[in-house]
Amino acid sequence: MLSSKNPLQIVVIKGVCSGLGSLTIALTLGERASNLWYILAALVLGFVAYGLSIFFYIHAQRELGATKTSAYYAVAPFIGVALSLVIFRELPSMSFIIALLIMIAGTYFASTDNKAS
């Protein structure tokens, strides 16, 4: 049933439902509205980080298949690492390098198909 839906419909429904859920929790806890600019910035960030990523993921699942989509998504953390190194211009620590090597190994094992025949 879900696979026959338009990715945009899925994203809109998920976004509206999660937004209403968050609003309900905030009102229940007695939170007040913040500065309008913070709200707009949060909406834009949510649109890009949540909405577009889910839309493209669902679209990729449909067009490329689960295997290729998962392989491409496995690269995302490494893009984040590369961007953070460029943006923040900090030298990586030894624990960072060890963690990166573990990430690389985990991605390799998760994305290769080594079934015993």
PDB file of N, CA and C in Angstrom:
ATOM      1  N   MET A   1       0.819  -1.184   0.000  1.00  0.00           N
ATOM      2  CA  MET A   1       0.000   0.000   0.000  1.00  0.00           C
ATOM      3  C   MET A   1       0.871   1.259   0.000  1.00  0.00           C
ATOM      4  N   LEU A   2       1.878   1.304   0.842  1.00  0.00           N
ATOM      5  CA  LEU A   2       2.732   2.484   0.925  1.00  0.00           C
ATOM      6  C   LEU A   2       3.562   2.667  -0.340  1.00  0.00           C
ATOM      7  N   SER A   3       3.963   1.551  -0.953  1.00  0.00           N
ATOM      8  CA  SER A   3       4.814   1.650  -2.139  1.00  0.00           C
ATOM      9  C   SER A   3       4.088   2.241  -3.335  1.00  0.00           C
ATOM     10  N   SER A   4       2.763   2.230  -3.324  1.00  0.00           N
ATOM     11  CA  SER A   4       2.013   2.787  -4.447  1.00  0.00           C
ATOM     12  C   SER A   4       1.751   4.283  -4.299  1.00  0.00           C
ATOM     13  N   LYS A   5       2.080   4.846  -3.149  1.00  0.00           N
ATOM     14  CA  LYS A   5       1.828   6.269  -2.900  1.00  0.00           C
ATOM     15  C   LYS A   5       2.926   7.140  -3.491  1.00  0.00           C
ATOM     16  N   ASN A   6       2.567   8.362  -3.776  1.00  0.00           N
ATOM     17  CA  ASN A   6       3.512   9.363  -4.244  1.00  0.00           C
ATOM     18  C   ASN A   6       4.427   9.736  -3.076  1.00  0.00           C
ATOM     19  N   PRO A   7       5.757   9.782  -3.294  1.00  0.00           N
ATOM     20  CA  PRO A   7       6.665  10.147  -2.200  1.00  0.00           C
ATOM     21  C   PRO A   7       6.316  11.484  -1.550  1.00  0.00           C
ATOM     22  N   LEU A   8       5.826  12.430  -2.334  1.00  0.00           N
ATOM     23  CA  LEU A   8       5.457  13.733  -1.782  1.00  0.00           C
ATOM     24  C   LEU A   8       4.298  13.603  -0.790  1.00  0.00           C
ATOM     25  N   GLN A   9       3.318  12.751  -1.110  1.00  0.00           N
ATOM     26  CA  GLN A   9       2.195  12.532  -0.196  1.00  0.00           C
ATOM     27  C   GLN A   9       2.685  11.954   1.133  1.00  0.00           C
ATOM     28  N   ILE A  10       3.600  11.004   1.054  1.00  0.00           N
ATOM     29  CA  ILE A  10       4.129  10.370   2.263  1.00  0.00           C
ATOM     30  C   ILE A  10       4.839  11.399   3.135  1.00  0.00           C
ATOM     31  N   VAL A  11       5.671  12.230   2.505  1.00  0.00           N
ATOM     32  CA  VAL A  11       6.432  13.234   3.249  1.00  0.00           C
ATOM     33  C   VAL A  11       5.501  14.260   3.887  1.00  0.00           C
ATOM     34  N   VAL A  12       4.491  14.697   3.155  1.00  0.00           N
ATOM     35  CA  VAL A  12       3.555  15.689   3.695  1.00  0.00           C
ATOM     36  C   VAL A  12       2.807  15.112   4.896  1.00  0.00           C
ATOM     37  N   ILE A  13       2.329  13.888   4.779  1.00  0.00           N
ATOM     38  CA  ILE A  13       1.597  13.264   5.888  1.00  0.00           C
ATOM     39  C   ILE A  13       2.507  13.090   7.100  1.00  0.00           C
ATOM     40  N   LYS A  14       3.729  12.590   6.874  1.00  0.00           N
ATOM     41  CA  LYS A  14       4.668  12.416   7.994  1.00  0.00           C
ATOM     42  C   LYS A  14       5.019  13.759   8.628  1.00  0.00           C
ATOM     43  N   GLY A  15       5.248  14.771   7.810  1.00  0.00           N
ATOM     44  CA  GLY A  15       5.609  16.083   8.335  1.00  0.00           C
ATOM     45  C   GLY A  15       4.500  16.719   9.140  1.00  0.00           C
ATOM     46  N   VAL A  16       3.280  16.656   8.621  1.00  0.00           N
ATOM     47  CA  VAL A  16       2.139  17.243   9.333  1.00  0.00           C
ATOM     48  C   VAL A  16       1.895  16.504  10.645  1.00  0.00           C
ATOM     49  N   CYS A  17       1.925  15.179  10.592  1.00  0.00           N
ATOM     50  CA  CYS A  17       1.668  14.400  11.815  1.00  0.00           C
ATOM     51  C   CYS A  17       2.755  14.613  12.863  1.00  0.00           C
ATOM     52  N   SER A  18       4.020  14.620  12.448  1.00  0.00           N
ATOM     53  CA  SER A  18       5.088  14.831  13.436  1.00  0.00           C
ATOM     54  C   SER A  18       5.062  16.267  13.959  1.00  0.00           C
ATOM     55  N   GLY A  19       4.729  17.219  13.105  1.00  0.00           N
ATOM     56  CA  GLY A  19       4.617  18.608  13.551  1.00  0.00           C
ATOM     57  C   GLY A  19       3.487  18.803  14.542  1.00  0.00           C
ATOM     58  N   LEU A  20       2.337  18.202  14.255  1.00  0.00           N
ATOM     59  CA  LEU A  20       1.211  18.301  15.190  1.00  0.00           C
ATOM     60  C   LEU A  20       1.523  17.593  16.505  1.00  0.00           C
ATOM     61  N   GLY A  21       2.229  16.470  16.415  1.00  0.00           N
ATOM     62  CA  GLY A  21       2.629  15.765  17.636  1.00  0.00           C
ATOM     63  C   GLY A  21       3.557  16.611  18.486  1.00  0.00           C
ATOM     64  N   SER A  22       4.533  17.249  17.855  1.00  0.00           N
ATOM     65  CA  SER A  22       5.461  18.121  18.585  1.00  0.00           C
ATOM     66  C   SER A  22       4.736  19.320  19.182  1.00  0.00           C
ATOM     67  N   LEU A  23       3.810  19.892  18.423  1.00  0.00           N
ATOM     68  CA  LEU A  23       3.034  21.030  18.923  1.00  0.00           C
ATOM     69  C   LEU A  23       2.186  20.626  20.126  1.00  0.00           C
ATOM     70  N   THR A  24       1.579  19.455  20.052  1.00  0.00           N
ATOM     71  CA  THR A  24       0.770  18.957  21.164  1.00  0.00           C
ATOM     72  C   THR A  24       1.615  18.777  22.423  1.00  0.00           C
ATOM     73  N   ILE A  25       2.785  18.193  22.270  1.00  0.00           N
ATOM     74  CA  ILE A  25       3.682  18.007  23.422  1.00  0.00           C
ATOM     75  C   ILE A  25       4.103  19.359  23.996  1.00  0.00           C
ATOM     76  N   ALA A  26       4.467  20.292  23.114  1.00  0.00           N
ATOM     77  CA  ALA A  26       4.900  21.614  23.583  1.00  0.00           C
ATOM     78  C   ALA A  26       3.787  22.331  24.335  1.00  0.00           C
ATOM     79  N   LEU A  27       2.573  22.290  23.807  1.00  0.00           N
ATOM     80  CA  LEU A  27       1.453  22.955  24.478  1.00  0.00           C
ATOM     81  C   LEU A  27       1.108  22.265  25.792  1.00  0.00           C
ATOM     82  N   THR A  28       1.206  20.940  25.819  1.00  0.00           N
ATOM     83  CA  THR A  28       0.936  20.191  27.045  1.00  0.00           C
ATOM     84  C   THR A  28       1.935  20.549  28.141  1.00  0.00           C
ATOM     85  N   LEU A  29       3.188  20.766  27.748  1.00  0.00           N
ATOM     86  CA  LEU A  29       4.229  21.120  28.715  1.00  0.00           C
ATOM     87  C   LEU A  29       4.230  22.604  29.062  1.00  0.00           C
ATOM     88  N   GLY A  30       3.342  23.367  28.430  1.00  0.00           N
ATOM     89  CA  GLY A  30       3.236  24.787  28.738  1.00  0.00           C
ATOM     90  C   GLY A  30       4.300  25.651  28.084  1.00  0.00           C
ATOM     91  N   GLU A  31       4.898  25.173  27.019  1.00  0.00           N
ATOM     92  CA  GLU A  31       5.923  25.958  26.321  1.00  0.00           C
ATOM     93  C   GLU A  31       5.260  27.106  25.563  1.00  0.00           C
ATOM     94  N   ARG A  32       5.988  28.198  25.442  1.00  0.00           N
ATOM     95  CA  ARG A  32       5.485  29.360  24.710  1.00  0.00           C
ATOM     96  C   ARG A  32       6.245  29.492  23.399  1.00  0.00           C
ATOM     97  N   ALA A  33       5.641  30.197  22.464  1.00  0.00           N
ATOM     98  CA  ALA A  33       6.270  30.416  21.165  1.00  0.00           C
ATOM     99  C   ALA A  33       7.537  31.248  21.335  1.00  0.00           C
ATOM    100  N   SER A  34       8.522  30.916  20.557  1.00  0.00           N
ATOM    101  CA  SER A  34       9.801  31.615  20.606  1.00  0.00           C
ATOM    102  C   SER A  34       9.786  32.762  19.597  1.00  0.00           C
ATOM    103  N   ASN A  35      10.935  33.329  19.390  1.00  0.00           N
ATOM    104  CA  ASN A  35      11.127  34.373  18.393  1.00  0.00           C
ATOM    105  C   ASN A  35      10.709  33.837  17.019  1.00  0.00           C
ATOM    106  N   LEU A  36      10.028  34.652  16.234  1.00  0.00           N
ATOM    107  CA  LEU A  36       9.543  34.231  14.923  1.00  0.00           C
ATOM    108  C   LEU A  36      10.679  33.770  14.019  1.00  0.00           C
ATOM    109  N   TRP A  37      11.839  34.418  14.097  1.00  0.00           N
ATOM    110  CA  TRP A  37      12.971  34.028  13.248  1.00  0.00           C
ATOM    111  C   TRP A  37      13.471  32.630  13.588  1.00  0.00           C
ATOM    112  N   TYR A  38      13.466  32.276  14.874  1.00  0.00           N
ATOM    113  CA  TYR A  38      13.866  30.928  15.281  1.00  0.00           C
ATOM    114  C   TYR A  38      12.885  29.888  14.751  1.00  0.00           C
ATOM    115  N   ILE A  39      11.618  30.235  14.785  1.00  0.00           N
ATOM    116  CA  ILE A  39      10.595  29.318  14.281  1.00  0.00           C
ATOM    117  C   ILE A  39      10.762  29.116  12.781  1.00  0.00           C
ATOM    118  N   LEU A  40      10.960  30.210  12.038  1.00  0.00           N
ATOM    119  CA  LEU A  40      11.156  30.097  10.591  1.00  0.00           C
ATOM    120  C   LEU A  40      12.422  29.314  10.257  1.00  0.00           C
ATOM    121  N   ALA A  41      13.498  29.566  10.997  1.00  0.00           N
ATOM    122  CA  ALA A  41      14.743  28.825  10.767  1.00  0.00           C
ATOM    123  C   ALA A  41      14.549  27.338  11.042  1.00  0.00           C
ATOM    124  N   ALA A  42      13.808  27.012  12.095  1.00  0.00           N
ATOM    125  CA  ALA A  42      13.540  25.608  12.414  1.00  0.00           C
ATOM    126  C   ALA A  42      12.685  24.955  11.333  1.00  0.00           C
ATOM    127  N   LEU A  43      11.724  25.692  10.790  1.00  0.00           N
ATOM    128  CA  LEU A  43      10.892  25.157   9.709  1.00  0.00           C
ATOM    129  C   LEU A  43      11.713  24.887   8.455  1.00  0.00           C
ATOM    130  N   VAL A  44      12.598  25.809   8.107  1.00  0.00           N
ATOM    131  CA  VAL A  44      13.454  25.615   6.926  1.00  0.00           C
ATOM    132  C   VAL A  44      14.390  24.434   7.149  1.00  0.00           C
ATOM    133  N   LEU A  45      14.990  24.362   8.321  1.00  0.00           N
ATOM    134  CA  LEU A  45      15.875  23.244   8.635  1.00  0.00           C
ATOM    135  C   LEU A  45      15.124  21.919   8.583  1.00  0.00           C
ATOM    136  N   GLY A  46      13.936  21.876   9.138  1.00  0.00           N
ATOM    137  CA  GLY A  46      13.125  20.663   9.094  1.00  0.00           C
ATOM    138  C   GLY A  46      12.748  20.274   7.681  1.00  0.00           C
ATOM    139  N   PHE A  47      12.420  21.265   6.861  1.00  0.00           N
ATOM    140  CA  PHE A  47      12.085  20.996   5.463  1.00  0.00           C
ATOM    141  C   PHE A  47      13.253  20.352   4.736  1.00  0.00           C
ATOM    142  N   VAL A  48      14.442  20.901   4.929  1.00  0.00           N
ATOM    143  CA  VAL A  48      15.619  20.382   4.229  1.00  0.00           C
ATOM    144  C   VAL A  48      16.078  19.057   4.835  1.00  0.00           C
ATOM    145  N   ALA A  49      16.282  19.033   6.152  1.00  0.00           N
ATOM    146  CA  ALA A  49      16.876  17.867   6.796  1.00  0.00           C
ATOM    147  C   ALA A  49      15.910  16.689   6.891  1.00  0.00           C
ATOM    148  N   TYR A  50      14.650  16.956   7.081  1.00  0.00           N
ATOM    149  CA  TYR A  50      13.675  15.886   7.273  1.00  0.00           C
ATOM    150  C   TYR A  50      12.863  15.649   6.005  1.00  0.00           C
ATOM    151  N   GLY A  51      12.238  16.691   5.515  1.00  0.00           N
ATOM    152  CA  GLY A  51      11.334  16.545   4.374  1.00  0.00           C
ATOM    153  C   GLY A  51      12.019  16.099   3.099  1.00  0.00           C
ATOM    154  N   LEU A  52      13.041  16.835   2.691  1.00  0.00           N
ATOM    155  CA  LEU A  52      13.720  16.485   1.443  1.00  0.00           C
ATOM    156  C   LEU A  52      14.438  15.146   1.536  1.00  0.00           C
ATOM    157  N   SER A  53      15.037  14.855   2.693  1.00  0.00           N
ATOM    158  CA  SER A  53      15.761  13.589   2.808  1.00  0.00           C
ATOM    159  C   SER A  53      14.811  12.401   2.698  1.00  0.00           C
ATOM    160  N   ILE A  54      13.649  12.475   3.325  1.00  0.00           N
ATOM    161  CA  ILE A  54      12.686  11.378   3.216  1.00  0.00           C
ATOM    162  C   ILE A  54      12.135  11.286   1.799  1.00  0.00           C
ATOM    163  N   PHE A  55      11.846  12.435   1.198  1.00  0.00           N
ATOM    164  CA  PHE A  55      11.337  12.431  -0.175  1.00  0.00           C
ATOM    165  C   PHE A  55      12.326  11.756  -1.118  1.00  0.00           C
ATOM    166  N   PHE A  56      13.593  12.165  -1.052  1.00  0.00           N
ATOM    167  CA  PHE A  56      14.597  11.580  -1.940  1.00  0.00           C
ATOM    168  C   PHE A  56      14.867  10.116  -1.613  1.00  0.00           C
ATOM    169  N   TYR A  57      14.795   9.752  -0.341  1.00  0.00           N
ATOM    170  CA  TYR A  57      15.004   8.355   0.039  1.00  0.00           C
ATOM    171  C   TYR A  57      13.902   7.467  -0.540  1.00  0.00           C
ATOM    172  N   ILE A  58      12.656   7.872  -0.390  1.00  0.00           N
ATOM    173  CA  ILE A  58      11.538   7.083  -0.920  1.00  0.00           C
ATOM    174  C   ILE A  58      11.612   7.017  -2.437  1.00  0.00           C
ATOM    175  N   HIS A  59      11.928   8.148  -3.057  1.00  0.00           N
ATOM    176  CA  HIS A  59      12.055   8.175  -4.514  1.00  0.00           C
ATOM    177  C   HIS A  59      13.195   7.254  -4.969  1.00  0.00           C
ATOM    178  N   ALA A  60      14.318   7.285  -4.265  1.00  0.00           N
ATOM    179  CA  ALA A  60      15.452   6.419  -4.619  1.00  0.00           C
ATOM    180  C   ALA A  60      15.105   4.951  -4.419  1.00  0.00           C
ATOM    181  N   GLN A  61      14.383   4.632  -3.357  1.00  0.00           N
ATOM    182  CA  GLN A  61      13.966   3.243  -3.136  1.00  0.00           C
ATOM    183  C   GLN A  61      13.157   2.738  -4.329  1.00  0.00           C
ATOM    184  N   ARG A  62      12.286   3.598  -4.819  1.00  0.00           N
ATOM    185  CA  ARG A  62      11.432   3.202  -5.931  1.00  0.00           C
ATOM    186  C   ARG A  62      12.209   3.095  -7.240  1.00  0.00           C
ATOM    187  N   GLU A  63      13.105   4.041  -7.490  1.00  0.00           N
ATOM    188  CA  GLU A  63      13.821   4.084  -8.768  1.00  0.00           C
ATOM    189  C   GLU A  63      15.057   3.186  -8.803  1.00  0.00           C
ATOM    190  N   LEU A  64      15.819   3.149  -7.720  1.00  0.00           N
ATOM    191  CA  LEU A  64      17.087   2.416  -7.701  1.00  0.00           C
ATOM    192  C   LEU A  64      16.983   1.043  -7.057  1.00  0.00           C
ATOM    193  N   GLY A  65      16.026   0.880  -6.169  1.00  0.00           N
ATOM    194  CA  GLY A  65      15.919  -0.359  -5.413  1.00  0.00           C
ATOM    195  C   GLY A  65      16.567  -0.207  -4.044  1.00  0.00           C
ATOM    196  N   ALA A  66      16.246  -1.145  -3.178  1.00  0.00           N
ATOM    197  CA  ALA A  66      16.703  -1.062  -1.786  1.00  0.00           C
ATOM    198  C   ALA A  66      18.215  -1.198  -1.659  1.00  0.00           C
ATOM    199  N   THR A  67      18.820  -2.069  -2.441  1.00  0.00           N
ATOM    200  CA  THR A  67      20.256  -2.319  -2.308  1.00  0.00           C
ATOM    201  C   THR A  67      21.080  -1.098  -2.668  1.00  0.00           C
ATOM    202  N   LYS A  68      20.824  -0.522  -3.831  1.00  0.00           N
ATOM    203  CA  LYS A  68      21.597   0.649  -4.254  1.00  0.00           C
ATOM    204  C   LYS A  68      21.323   1.851  -3.354  1.00  0.00           C
ATOM    205  N   THR A  69      20.066   2.026  -2.963  1.00  0.00           N
ATOM    206  CA  THR A  69      19.735   3.149  -2.084  1.00  0.00           C
ATOM    207  C   THR A  69      20.473   3.027  -0.756  1.00  0.00           C
ATOM    208  N   SER A  70      20.502   1.838  -0.194  1.00  0.00           N
ATOM    209  CA  SER A  70      21.211   1.628   1.074  1.00  0.00           C
ATOM    210  C   SER A  70      22.702   1.882   0.923  1.00  0.00           C
ATOM    211  N   ALA A  71      23.262   1.474  -0.208  1.00  0.00           N
ATOM    212  CA  ALA A  71      24.696   1.706  -0.436  1.00  0.00           C
ATOM    213  C   ALA A  71      24.996   3.198  -0.517  1.00  0.00           C
ATOM    214  N   TYR A  72      24.150   3.951  -1.198  1.00  0.00           N
ATOM    215  CA  TYR A  72      24.363   5.398  -1.285  1.00  0.00           C
ATOM    216  C   TYR A  72      24.184   6.064   0.077  1.00  0.00           C
ATOM    217  N   TYR A  73      23.185   5.615   0.838  1.00  0.00           N
ATOM    218  CA  TYR A  73      22.966   6.196   2.163  1.00  0.00           C
ATOM    219  C   TYR A  73      24.100   5.871   3.121  1.00  0.00           C
ATOM    220  N   ALA A  74      24.796   4.770   2.883  1.00  0.00           N
ATOM    221  CA  ALA A  74      25.927   4.400   3.742  1.00  0.00           C
ATOM    222  C   ALA A  74      27.077   5.390   3.611  1.00  0.00           C
ATOM    223  N   VAL A  75      27.116   6.132   2.513  1.00  0.00           N
ATOM    224  CA  VAL A  75      28.188   7.104   2.275  1.00  0.00           C
ATOM    225  C   VAL A  75      27.923   8.425   3.013  1.00  0.00           C
ATOM    226  N   ALA A  76      26.686   8.685   3.392  1.00  0.00           N
ATOM    227  CA  ALA A  76      26.313   9.969   3.999  1.00  0.00           C
ATOM    228  C   ALA A  76      27.145  10.354   5.222  1.00  0.00           C
ATOM    229  N   PRO A  77      27.414   9.452   6.159  1.00  0.00           N
ATOM    230  CA  PRO A  77      28.230   9.870   7.310  1.00  0.00           C
ATOM    231  C   PRO A  77      29.629  10.332   6.915  1.00  0.00           C
ATOM    232  N   PHE A  78      30.181   9.752   5.869  1.00  0.00           N
ATOM    233  CA  PHE A  78      31.525  10.141   5.438  1.00  0.00           C
ATOM    234  C   PHE A  78      31.519  11.522   4.786  1.00  0.00           C
ATOM    235  N   ILE A  79      30.432  11.849   4.111  1.00  0.00           N
ATOM    236  CA  ILE A  79      30.295  13.200   3.565  1.00  0.00           C
ATOM    237  C   ILE A  79      30.216  14.200   4.716  1.00  0.00           C
ATOM    238  N   GLY A  80      29.476  13.841   5.755  1.00  0.00           N
ATOM    239  CA  GLY A  80      29.401  14.696   6.939  1.00  0.00           C
ATOM    240  C   GLY A  80      30.750  14.888   7.604  1.00  0.00           C
ATOM    241  N   VAL A  81      31.534  13.820   7.683  1.00  0.00           N
ATOM    242  CA  VAL A  81      32.881  13.908   8.263  1.00  0.00           C
ATOM    243  C   VAL A  81      33.750  14.839   7.432  1.00  0.00           C
ATOM    244  N   ALA A  82      33.731  14.646   6.114  1.00  0.00           N
ATOM    245  CA  ALA A  82      34.559  15.482   5.236  1.00  0.00           C
ATOM    246  C   ALA A  82      34.158  16.954   5.348  1.00  0.00           C
ATOM    247  N   LEU A  83      32.858  17.219   5.347  1.00  0.00           N
ATOM    248  CA  LEU A  83      32.398  18.604   5.474  1.00  0.00           C
ATOM    249  C   LEU A  83      32.796  19.214   6.812  1.00  0.00           C
ATOM    250  N   SER A  84      32.697  18.433   7.886  1.00  0.00           N
ATOM    251  CA  SER A  84      33.062  18.980   9.197  1.00  0.00           C
ATOM    252  C   SER A  84      34.552  19.287   9.276  1.00  0.00           C
ATOM    253  N   LEU A  85      35.376  18.460   8.643  1.00  0.00           N
ATOM    254  CA  LEU A  85      36.815  18.731   8.641  1.00  0.00           C
ATOM    255  C   LEU A  85      37.128  20.015   7.878  1.00  0.00           C
ATOM    256  N   VAL A  86      36.421  20.229   6.769  1.00  0.00           N
ATOM    257  CA  VAL A  86      36.648  21.433   5.965  1.00  0.00           C
ATOM    258  C   VAL A  86      36.094  22.674   6.670  1.00  0.00           C
ATOM    259  N   ILE A  87      34.883  22.566   7.193  1.00  0.00           N
ATOM    260  CA  ILE A  87      34.229  23.729   7.800  1.00  0.00           C
ATOM    261  C   ILE A  87      34.916  24.164   9.089  1.00  0.00           C
ATOM    262  N   PHE A  88      35.208  23.209   9.969  1.00  0.00           N
ATOM    263  CA  PHE A  88      35.743  23.564  11.285  1.00  0.00           C
ATOM    264  C   PHE A  88      37.262  23.650  11.322  1.00  0.00           C
ATOM    265  N   ARG A  89      37.919  23.147  10.307  1.00  0.00           N
ATOM    266  CA  ARG A  89      39.382  23.231  10.169  1.00  0.00           C
ATOM    267  C   ARG A  89      40.122  22.774  11.427  1.00  0.00           C
ATOM    268  N   GLU A  90      39.689  21.659  11.964  1.00  0.00           N
ATOM    269  CA  GLU A  90      40.359  21.088  13.132  1.00  0.00           C
ATOM    270  C   GLU A  90      41.068  19.810  12.716  1.00  0.00           C
ATOM    271  N   LEU A  91      42.224  19.578  13.302  1.00  0.00           N
ATOM    272  CA  LEU A  91      42.931  18.333  13.040  1.00  0.00           C
ATOM    273  C   LEU A  91      42.245  17.210  13.810  1.00  0.00           C
ATOM    274  N   PRO A  92      42.019  16.082  13.150  1.00  0.00           N
ATOM    275  CA  PRO A  92      41.354  14.978  13.839  1.00  0.00           C
ATOM    276  C   PRO A  92      42.245  14.375  14.932  1.00  0.00           C
ATOM    277  N   SER A  93      41.621  13.985  16.034  1.00  0.00           N
ATOM    278  CA  SER A  93      42.347  13.348  17.130  1.00  0.00           C
ATOM    279  C   SER A  93      42.516  11.860  16.824  1.00  0.00           C
ATOM    280  N   MET A  94      43.294  11.185  17.652  1.00  0.00           N
ATOM    281  CA  MET A  94      43.503   9.751  17.458  1.00  0.00           C
ATOM    282  C   MET A  94      42.196   8.983  17.628  1.00  0.00           C
ATOM    283  N   SER A  95      41.368   9.365  18.597  1.00  0.00           N
ATOM    284  CA  SER A  95      40.085   8.680  18.786  1.00  0.00           C
ATOM    285  C   SER A  95      39.169   8.897  17.581  1.00  0.00           C
ATOM    286  N   PHE A  96      39.251  10.067  16.956  1.00  0.00           N
ATOM    287  CA  PHE A  96      38.480  10.346  15.745  1.00  0.00           C
ATOM    288  C   PHE A  96      38.914   9.405  14.625  1.00  0.00           C
ATOM    289  N   ILE A  97      40.217   9.246  14.447  1.00  0.00           N
ATOM    290  CA  ILE A  97      40.742   8.384  13.384  1.00  0.00           C
ATOM    291  C   ILE A  97      40.346   6.929  13.636  1.00  0.00           C
ATOM    292  N   ILE A  98      40.430   6.487  14.878  1.00  0.00           N
ATOM    293  CA  ILE A  98      40.021   5.117  15.204  1.00  0.00           C
ATOM    294  C   ILE A  98      38.534   4.926  14.921  1.00  0.00           C
ATOM    295  N   ALA A  99      37.712   5.898  15.326  1.00  0.00           N
ATOM    296  CA  ALA A  99      36.272   5.817  15.070  1.00  0.00           C
ATOM    297  C   ALA A  99      35.983   5.817  13.574  1.00  0.00           C
ATOM    298  N   LEU A 100      36.721   6.611  12.818  1.00  0.00           N
ATOM    299  CA  LEU A 100      36.536   6.653  11.368  1.00  0.00           C
ATOM    300  C   LEU A 100      36.878   5.307  10.739  1.00  0.00           C
ATOM    301  N   LEU A 101      37.950   4.682  11.190  1.00  0.00           N
ATOM    302  CA  LEU A 101      38.322   3.360  10.673  1.00  0.00           C
ATOM    303  C   LEU A 101      37.253   2.315  11.002  1.00  0.00           C
ATOM    304  N   ILE A 102      36.679   2.406  12.189  1.00  0.00           N
ATOM    305  CA  ILE A 102      35.594   1.488  12.554  1.00  0.00           C
ATOM    306  C   ILE A 102      34.372   1.742  11.675  1.00  0.00           C
ATOM    307  N   MET A 103      34.068   3.013  11.402  1.00  0.00           N
ATOM    308  CA  MET A 103      32.950   3.349  10.504  1.00  0.00           C
ATOM    309  C   MET A 103      33.184   2.784   9.109  1.00  0.00           C
ATOM    310  N   ILE A 104      34.397   2.919   8.613  1.00  0.00           N
ATOM    311  CA  ILE A 104      34.724   2.413   7.277  1.00  0.00           C
ATOM    312  C   ILE A 104      34.558   0.898   7.239  1.00  0.00           C
ATOM    313  N   ALA A 105      35.077   0.214   8.252  1.00  0.00           N
ATOM    314  CA  ALA A 105      34.947  -1.244   8.300  1.00  0.00           C
ATOM    315  C   ALA A 105      33.481  -1.656   8.387  1.00  0.00           C
ATOM    316  N   GLY A 106      32.712  -0.983   9.234  1.00  0.00           N
ATOM    317  CA  GLY A 106      31.298  -1.304   9.364  1.00  0.00           C
ATOM    318  C   GLY A 106      30.527  -1.081   8.078  1.00  0.00           C
ATOM    319  N   THR A 107      30.821   0.006   7.401  1.00  0.00           N
ATOM    320  CA  THR A 107      30.161   0.285   6.127  1.00  0.00           C
ATOM    321  C   THR A 107      30.532  -0.753   5.083  1.00  0.00           C
ATOM    322  N   TYR A 108      31.788  -1.138   5.060  1.00  0.00           N
ATOM    323  CA  TYR A 108      32.236  -2.162   4.105  1.00  0.00           C
ATOM    324  C   TYR A 108      31.490  -3.475   4.347  1.00  0.00           C
ATOM    325  N   PHE A 109      31.465  -3.930   5.594  1.00  0.00           N
ATOM    326  CA  PHE A 109      30.818  -5.209   5.892  1.00  0.00           C
ATOM    327  C   PHE A 109      29.309  -5.146   5.672  1.00  0.00           C
ATOM    328  N   ALA A 110      28.707  -4.013   5.935  1.00  0.00           N
ATOM    329  CA  ALA A 110      27.263  -3.883   5.749  1.00  0.00           C
ATOM    330  C   ALA A 110      26.872  -3.786   4.280  1.00  0.00           C
ATOM    331  N   SER A 111      27.765  -3.259   3.448  1.00  0.00           N
ATOM    332  CA  SER A 111      27.393  -3.033   2.050  1.00  0.00           C
ATOM    333  C   SER A 111      27.887  -4.106   1.097  1.00  0.00           C
ATOM    334  N   THR A 112      28.751  -5.006   1.546  1.00  0.00           N
ATOM    335  CA  THR A 112      29.196  -6.090   0.665  1.00  0.00           C
ATOM    336  C   THR A 112      28.332  -7.310   0.911  1.00  0.00           C
ATOM    337  N   ASP A 113      28.181  -8.083  -0.129  1.00  0.00           N
ATOM    338  CA  ASP A 113      27.342  -9.272  -0.065  1.00  0.00           C
ATOM    339  C   ASP A 113      28.249 -10.492  -0.037  1.00  0.00           C
ATOM    340  N   ASN A 114      28.480 -11.033   1.141  1.00  0.00           N
ATOM    341  CA  ASN A 114      29.353 -12.195   1.292  1.00  0.00           C
ATOM    342  C   ASN A 114      28.560 -13.397   1.786  1.00  0.00           C
ATOM    343  N   LYS A 115      27.609 -13.839   0.985  1.00  0.00           N
ATOM    344  CA  LYS A 115      26.805 -14.996   1.369  1.00  0.00           C
ATOM    345  C   LYS A 115      27.591 -16.267   1.082  1.00  0.00           C
ATOM    346  N   ALA A 116      27.558 -17.178   2.020  1.00  0.00           N
ATOM    347  CA  ALA A 116      28.230 -18.468   1.815  1.00  0.00           C
ATOM    348  C   ALA A 116      27.372 -19.320   0.891  1.00  0.00           C
ATOM    349  N   SER A 117      28.017 -19.921  -0.084  1.00  0.00           N
ATOM    350  CA  SER A 117      27.262 -20.747  -1.038  1.00  0.00           C
ATOM    351  C   SER A 117      27.402 -22.206  -0.723  1.00  0.00           C
TER     352      SER A 117
END
